[in-house]
């Protein structure tokens, strides 16, 4: 059994085994550090048992979707004009730092 330090949650439209195979071809060193896991999705029986029907938000997925929506508010990140991954990563971190500072200042 290998140790994975990062788990990436994906929705049910994706196939973890296909993502792993593609990533092995592009960046084989990272496979030992990450694993893909399907995001939990309640079944119809679970929804009925809880008195729910239709769309039910899944907590783990909403964290990612909210984060993506917050990033879209940063105008400099709407289009990726950066030449290196390091600079793009720095801009993303600055966007989240700005978001956290605005929320702390509002308190």
N, C-alpha and C. Protein backbone atom coordinates (compact mmCIF):
# COMPACT_ATOMS: atom_id res chain seq x y z
N UNK A 1 0.85 -1.19 0.00
CA UNK A 1 0.00 0.00 0.00
C UNK A 1 0.89 1.24 0.00
N UNK A 2 0.61 2.16 -0.91
CA UNK A 2 1.42 3.37 -1.01
C UNK A 2 0.76 4.50 -0.21
N UNK A 3 1.57 5.44 0.20
CA UNK A 3 1.09 6.57 0.99
C UNK A 3 0.85 7.75 0.06
N UNK A 4 -0.35 8.29 0.08
CA UNK A 4 -0.70 9.47 -0.72
C UNK A 4 -0.93 10.64 0.22
N UNK A 5 -0.23 11.74 0.01
CA UNK A 5 -0.38 12.88 0.90
C UNK A 5 -1.51 13.80 0.48
N UNK A 6 -1.99 13.69 -0.76
CA UNK A 6 -3.05 14.56 -1.24
C UNK A 6 -4.15 13.71 -1.85
N UNK A 7 -5.38 13.97 -1.45
CA UNK A 7 -6.54 13.31 -2.04
C UNK A 7 -7.33 14.36 -2.80
N UNK A 8 -7.59 14.10 -4.07
CA UNK A 8 -8.34 15.02 -4.91
C UNK A 8 -9.73 14.43 -5.11
N UNK A 9 -10.75 15.17 -4.64
CA UNK A 9 -12.13 14.73 -4.81
C UNK A 9 -12.60 15.11 -6.21
N UNK A 10 -13.22 14.16 -6.89
CA UNK A 10 -13.75 14.44 -8.23
C UNK A 10 -15.22 14.03 -8.25
N UNK A 11 -15.97 14.66 -9.15
CA UNK A 11 -17.39 14.33 -9.25
C UNK A 11 -17.56 13.07 -10.08
N UNK A 12 -18.77 12.55 -10.10
CA UNK A 12 -19.02 11.24 -10.70
C UNK A 12 -18.93 11.22 -12.22
N UNK A 13 -18.78 12.35 -12.88
CA UNK A 13 -18.63 12.37 -14.33
C UNK A 13 -17.22 11.98 -14.76
N UNK A 14 -16.27 11.97 -13.83
CA UNK A 14 -14.88 11.64 -14.15
C UNK A 14 -14.56 10.21 -13.72
N UNK A 15 -13.53 9.66 -14.29
CA UNK A 15 -13.11 8.30 -13.97
C UNK A 15 -11.71 8.36 -13.37
N UNK A 16 -11.56 8.02 -12.09
CA UNK A 16 -10.25 8.13 -11.43
C UNK A 16 -9.15 7.33 -12.12
N UNK A 17 -9.48 6.14 -12.62
CA UNK A 17 -8.44 5.32 -13.25
C UNK A 17 -7.93 5.96 -14.54
N UNK A 18 -8.81 6.62 -15.30
CA UNK A 18 -8.37 7.28 -16.53
C UNK A 18 -7.51 8.51 -16.21
N UNK A 19 -7.89 9.24 -15.16
CA UNK A 19 -7.10 10.40 -14.76
C UNK A 19 -5.71 9.97 -14.29
N UNK A 20 -5.66 8.88 -13.54
CA UNK A 20 -4.37 8.37 -13.05
C UNK A 20 -3.48 7.95 -14.20
N UNK A 21 -4.04 7.23 -15.19
CA UNK A 21 -3.26 6.80 -16.35
C UNK A 21 -2.73 7.99 -17.14
N UNK A 22 -3.57 8.99 -17.36
CA UNK A 22 -3.14 10.17 -18.12
C UNK A 22 -2.06 10.94 -17.36
N UNK A 23 -2.22 11.05 -16.06
CA UNK A 23 -1.24 11.77 -15.26
C UNK A 23 0.09 11.03 -15.20
N UNK A 24 0.05 9.71 -15.19
CA UNK A 24 1.30 8.92 -15.22
C UNK A 24 2.11 9.20 -16.48
N UNK A 25 1.44 9.41 -17.59
CA UNK A 25 2.13 9.70 -18.84
C UNK A 25 2.74 11.09 -18.84
N UNK A 26 2.02 12.05 -18.25
CA UNK A 26 2.48 13.44 -18.27
C UNK A 26 3.47 13.73 -17.15
N UNK A 27 3.17 13.27 -15.95
CA UNK A 27 3.96 13.63 -14.76
C UNK A 27 4.04 12.43 -13.82
N UNK A 28 4.84 11.42 -14.15
CA UNK A 28 4.86 10.18 -13.37
C UNK A 28 5.31 10.34 -11.92
N UNK A 29 6.10 11.34 -11.58
CA UNK A 29 6.59 11.51 -10.22
C UNK A 29 5.48 11.84 -9.23
N UNK A 30 4.40 12.42 -9.71
CA UNK A 30 3.36 12.89 -8.79
C UNK A 30 2.39 11.78 -8.38
N UNK A 31 2.35 10.68 -9.11
CA UNK A 31 1.40 9.62 -8.81
C UNK A 31 1.59 9.05 -7.40
N UNK A 32 2.80 9.04 -6.91
CA UNK A 32 3.03 8.52 -5.56
C UNK A 32 2.56 9.48 -4.47
N UNK A 33 2.24 10.72 -4.85
CA UNK A 33 1.86 11.74 -3.87
C UNK A 33 0.36 12.02 -3.83
N UNK A 34 -0.38 11.67 -4.89
CA UNK A 34 -1.80 11.99 -4.92
C UNK A 34 -2.64 10.76 -5.19
N UNK A 35 -3.90 10.87 -4.87
CA UNK A 35 -4.88 9.86 -5.23
C UNK A 35 -6.18 10.57 -5.57
N UNK A 36 -6.94 10.00 -6.46
CA UNK A 36 -8.24 10.54 -6.83
C UNK A 36 -9.32 9.74 -6.11
N UNK A 37 -10.34 10.44 -5.65
CA UNK A 37 -11.44 9.79 -4.94
C UNK A 37 -12.74 10.42 -5.42
N UNK A 38 -13.74 9.59 -5.69
CA UNK A 38 -15.03 10.10 -6.08
C UNK A 38 -15.70 10.79 -4.89
N UNK A 39 -16.24 11.97 -5.14
CA UNK A 39 -16.92 12.71 -4.09
C UNK A 39 -18.17 11.94 -3.67
N UNK A 40 -18.47 11.88 -2.37
CA UNK A 40 -19.65 11.14 -1.93
C UNK A 40 -20.93 11.75 -2.49
N UNK A 41 -21.83 10.90 -2.89
CA UNK A 41 -23.10 11.36 -3.45
C UNK A 41 -24.21 10.53 -2.81
N UNK A 42 -25.20 11.20 -2.21
CA UNK A 42 -26.26 10.44 -1.54
C UNK A 42 -27.12 9.67 -2.55
N UNK A 43 -27.49 8.45 -2.20
CA UNK A 43 -28.35 7.65 -3.07
C UNK A 43 -29.80 8.10 -2.87
N UNK A 44 -30.67 7.63 -3.75
CA UNK A 44 -32.09 7.97 -3.63
C UNK A 44 -32.66 7.47 -2.31
N UNK A 45 -32.24 6.27 -1.90
CA UNK A 45 -32.72 5.71 -0.63
C UNK A 45 -32.27 6.56 0.56
N UNK A 46 -31.03 7.05 0.53
CA UNK A 46 -30.54 7.92 1.63
C UNK A 46 -31.30 9.23 1.66
N UNK A 47 -31.59 9.79 0.48
CA UNK A 47 -32.35 11.04 0.43
C UNK A 47 -33.76 10.84 0.97
N UNK A 48 -34.40 9.75 0.58
CA UNK A 48 -35.75 9.47 1.07
C UNK A 48 -35.76 9.25 2.57
N UNK A 49 -34.74 8.57 3.10
CA UNK A 49 -34.66 8.34 4.54
C UNK A 49 -34.53 9.64 5.32
N UNK A 50 -33.90 10.64 4.72
CA UNK A 50 -33.73 11.95 5.37
C UNK A 50 -34.86 12.92 5.02
N UNK A 51 -35.83 12.45 4.22
CA UNK A 51 -36.95 13.32 3.84
C UNK A 51 -36.56 14.35 2.80
N UNK A 52 -35.56 14.06 1.99
CA UNK A 52 -35.10 15.00 0.96
C UNK A 52 -35.43 14.42 -0.42
N UNK A 53 -35.50 15.31 -1.39
CA UNK A 53 -35.70 14.86 -2.77
C UNK A 53 -35.01 15.84 -3.70
N UNK A 54 -34.79 15.41 -4.93
CA UNK A 54 -34.17 16.28 -5.92
C UNK A 54 -32.70 16.52 -5.62
N UNK A 55 -32.26 17.75 -5.89
CA UNK A 55 -30.85 18.11 -5.70
C UNK A 55 -30.54 18.30 -4.22
N UNK A 56 -29.51 17.62 -3.75
CA UNK A 56 -29.05 17.76 -2.37
C UNK A 56 -27.56 18.09 -2.43
N UNK A 57 -27.14 19.27 -1.93
CA UNK A 57 -25.73 19.62 -2.00
C UNK A 57 -24.87 18.71 -1.14
N UNK A 58 -23.69 18.39 -1.65
CA UNK A 58 -22.73 17.56 -0.93
C UNK A 58 -21.67 18.49 -0.37
N UNK A 59 -21.43 18.43 0.93
CA UNK A 59 -20.55 19.39 1.60
C UNK A 59 -19.16 19.47 0.98
N UNK A 60 -18.54 18.34 0.68
CA UNK A 60 -17.17 18.36 0.14
C UNK A 60 -17.11 19.04 -1.21
N UNK A 61 -18.12 18.85 -2.04
CA UNK A 61 -18.13 19.48 -3.35
C UNK A 61 -18.37 20.97 -3.26
N UNK A 62 -19.17 21.42 -2.31
CA UNK A 62 -19.47 22.84 -2.20
C UNK A 62 -18.25 23.64 -1.79
N UNK A 63 -17.34 23.05 -1.04
CA UNK A 63 -16.11 23.76 -0.68
C UNK A 63 -15.35 24.14 -1.93
N UNK A 64 -15.22 23.22 -2.86
CA UNK A 64 -14.49 23.47 -4.10
C UNK A 64 -15.25 24.44 -4.98
N UNK A 65 -16.54 24.26 -5.12
CA UNK A 65 -17.32 25.14 -5.98
C UNK A 65 -17.35 26.57 -5.46
N UNK A 66 -17.44 26.74 -4.13
CA UNK A 66 -17.38 28.09 -3.56
C UNK A 66 -16.03 28.72 -3.83
N UNK A 67 -14.97 27.93 -3.66
CA UNK A 67 -13.62 28.45 -3.90
C UNK A 67 -13.46 28.90 -5.34
N UNK A 68 -13.97 28.12 -6.27
CA UNK A 68 -13.89 28.50 -7.68
C UNK A 68 -14.67 29.79 -7.94
N UNK A 69 -15.83 29.94 -7.32
CA UNK A 69 -16.62 31.16 -7.50
C UNK A 69 -15.88 32.36 -6.94
N UNK A 70 -15.21 32.20 -5.79
CA UNK A 70 -14.46 33.32 -5.21
C UNK A 70 -13.29 33.71 -6.11
N UNK A 71 -12.62 32.74 -6.70
CA UNK A 71 -11.49 33.02 -7.57
C UNK A 71 -11.95 33.79 -8.80
N UNK A 72 -13.13 33.48 -9.30
CA UNK A 72 -13.64 34.17 -10.48
C UNK A 72 -13.86 35.65 -10.24
N UNK A 73 -13.96 36.06 -8.98
CA UNK A 73 -14.13 37.48 -8.66
C UNK A 73 -12.84 38.27 -8.84
N UNK A 74 -11.70 37.59 -8.83
CA UNK A 74 -10.41 38.27 -9.03
C UNK A 74 -10.22 38.50 -10.52
N UNK A 75 -10.28 39.74 -10.93
CA UNK A 75 -10.23 40.05 -12.35
C UNK A 75 -8.94 39.62 -13.01
N UNK A 76 -7.84 39.63 -12.27
CA UNK A 76 -6.57 39.23 -12.87
C UNK A 76 -6.49 37.74 -13.13
N UNK A 77 -7.42 36.96 -12.56
CA UNK A 77 -7.40 35.51 -12.74
C UNK A 77 -8.45 35.01 -13.73
N UNK A 78 -9.23 35.93 -14.32
CA UNK A 78 -10.26 35.52 -15.25
C UNK A 78 -9.62 34.84 -16.47
N UNK A 79 -8.55 35.40 -16.96
CA UNK A 79 -7.78 34.78 -18.04
C UNK A 79 -6.38 34.51 -17.51
N UNK A 80 -5.80 33.42 -17.93
CA UNK A 80 -4.46 33.06 -17.46
C UNK A 80 -3.43 33.59 -18.44
N UNK A 81 -2.83 34.73 -18.10
CA UNK A 81 -1.82 35.33 -18.95
C UNK A 81 -0.40 35.06 -18.44
N UNK A 82 -0.29 34.33 -17.36
CA UNK A 82 1.04 34.09 -16.79
C UNK A 82 1.82 33.08 -17.62
N UNK A 83 3.12 33.29 -17.69
CA UNK A 83 3.97 32.41 -18.50
C UNK A 83 4.47 31.20 -17.72
N UNK A 84 4.49 31.29 -16.39
CA UNK A 84 4.99 30.17 -15.59
C UNK A 84 3.94 29.75 -14.57
N UNK A 85 4.01 28.49 -14.18
CA UNK A 85 3.09 27.97 -13.18
C UNK A 85 3.31 28.64 -11.83
N UNK A 86 4.55 28.96 -11.51
CA UNK A 86 4.86 29.62 -10.25
C UNK A 86 4.18 30.98 -10.12
N UNK A 87 4.19 31.75 -11.20
CA UNK A 87 3.54 33.07 -11.16
C UNK A 87 2.03 32.94 -11.07
N UNK A 88 1.46 31.96 -11.79
CA UNK A 88 0.02 31.74 -11.73
C UNK A 88 -0.38 31.31 -10.32
N UNK A 89 0.43 30.46 -9.71
CA UNK A 89 0.17 29.99 -8.34
C UNK A 89 0.25 31.16 -7.36
N UNK A 90 1.22 32.05 -7.55
CA UNK A 90 1.36 33.21 -6.68
C UNK A 90 0.14 34.12 -6.79
N UNK A 91 -0.37 34.32 -8.00
CA UNK A 91 -1.56 35.16 -8.18
C UNK A 91 -2.78 34.53 -7.51
N UNK A 92 -2.89 33.22 -7.59
CA UNK A 92 -3.99 32.53 -6.95
C UNK A 92 -3.92 32.69 -5.44
N UNK A 93 -2.74 32.56 -4.88
CA UNK A 93 -2.57 32.74 -3.43
C UNK A 93 -2.89 34.18 -3.02
N UNK A 94 -2.46 35.15 -3.82
CA UNK A 94 -2.77 36.54 -3.52
C UNK A 94 -4.27 36.81 -3.54
N UNK A 95 -4.97 36.16 -4.45
CA UNK A 95 -6.42 36.31 -4.52
C UNK A 95 -7.07 35.82 -3.23
N UNK A 96 -6.64 34.66 -2.74
CA UNK A 96 -7.23 34.13 -1.52
C UNK A 96 -6.80 34.93 -0.29
N UNK A 97 -5.59 35.45 -0.28
CA UNK A 97 -5.15 36.31 0.83
C UNK A 97 -6.01 37.57 0.87
N UNK A 98 -6.26 38.15 -0.29
CA UNK A 98 -7.10 39.34 -0.36
C UNK A 98 -8.51 39.03 0.14
N UNK A 99 -9.04 37.89 -0.25
CA UNK A 99 -10.38 37.48 0.20
C UNK A 99 -10.42 37.33 1.72
N UNK A 100 -9.41 36.67 2.29
CA UNK A 100 -9.38 36.49 3.75
C UNK A 100 -9.25 37.82 4.48
N UNK A 101 -8.41 38.71 3.96
CA UNK A 101 -8.25 40.02 4.61
C UNK A 101 -9.53 40.83 4.57
N UNK A 102 -10.25 40.77 3.45
CA UNK A 102 -11.52 41.50 3.36
C UNK A 102 -12.53 40.96 4.37
N UNK A 103 -12.56 39.65 4.55
CA UNK A 103 -13.49 39.05 5.50
C UNK A 103 -13.11 39.36 6.94
N UNK A 104 -11.80 39.37 7.22
CA UNK A 104 -11.36 39.71 8.57
C UNK A 104 -11.62 41.17 8.88
N UNK A 105 -11.44 42.05 7.90
CA UNK A 105 -11.65 43.48 8.11
C UNK A 105 -13.13 43.79 8.34
N UNK A 106 -14.01 42.98 7.79
CA UNK A 106 -15.45 43.23 7.93
C UNK A 106 -15.96 42.89 9.34
N UNK A 107 -15.19 42.16 10.11
CA UNK A 107 -15.63 41.75 11.46
C UNK A 107 -15.57 42.85 12.43
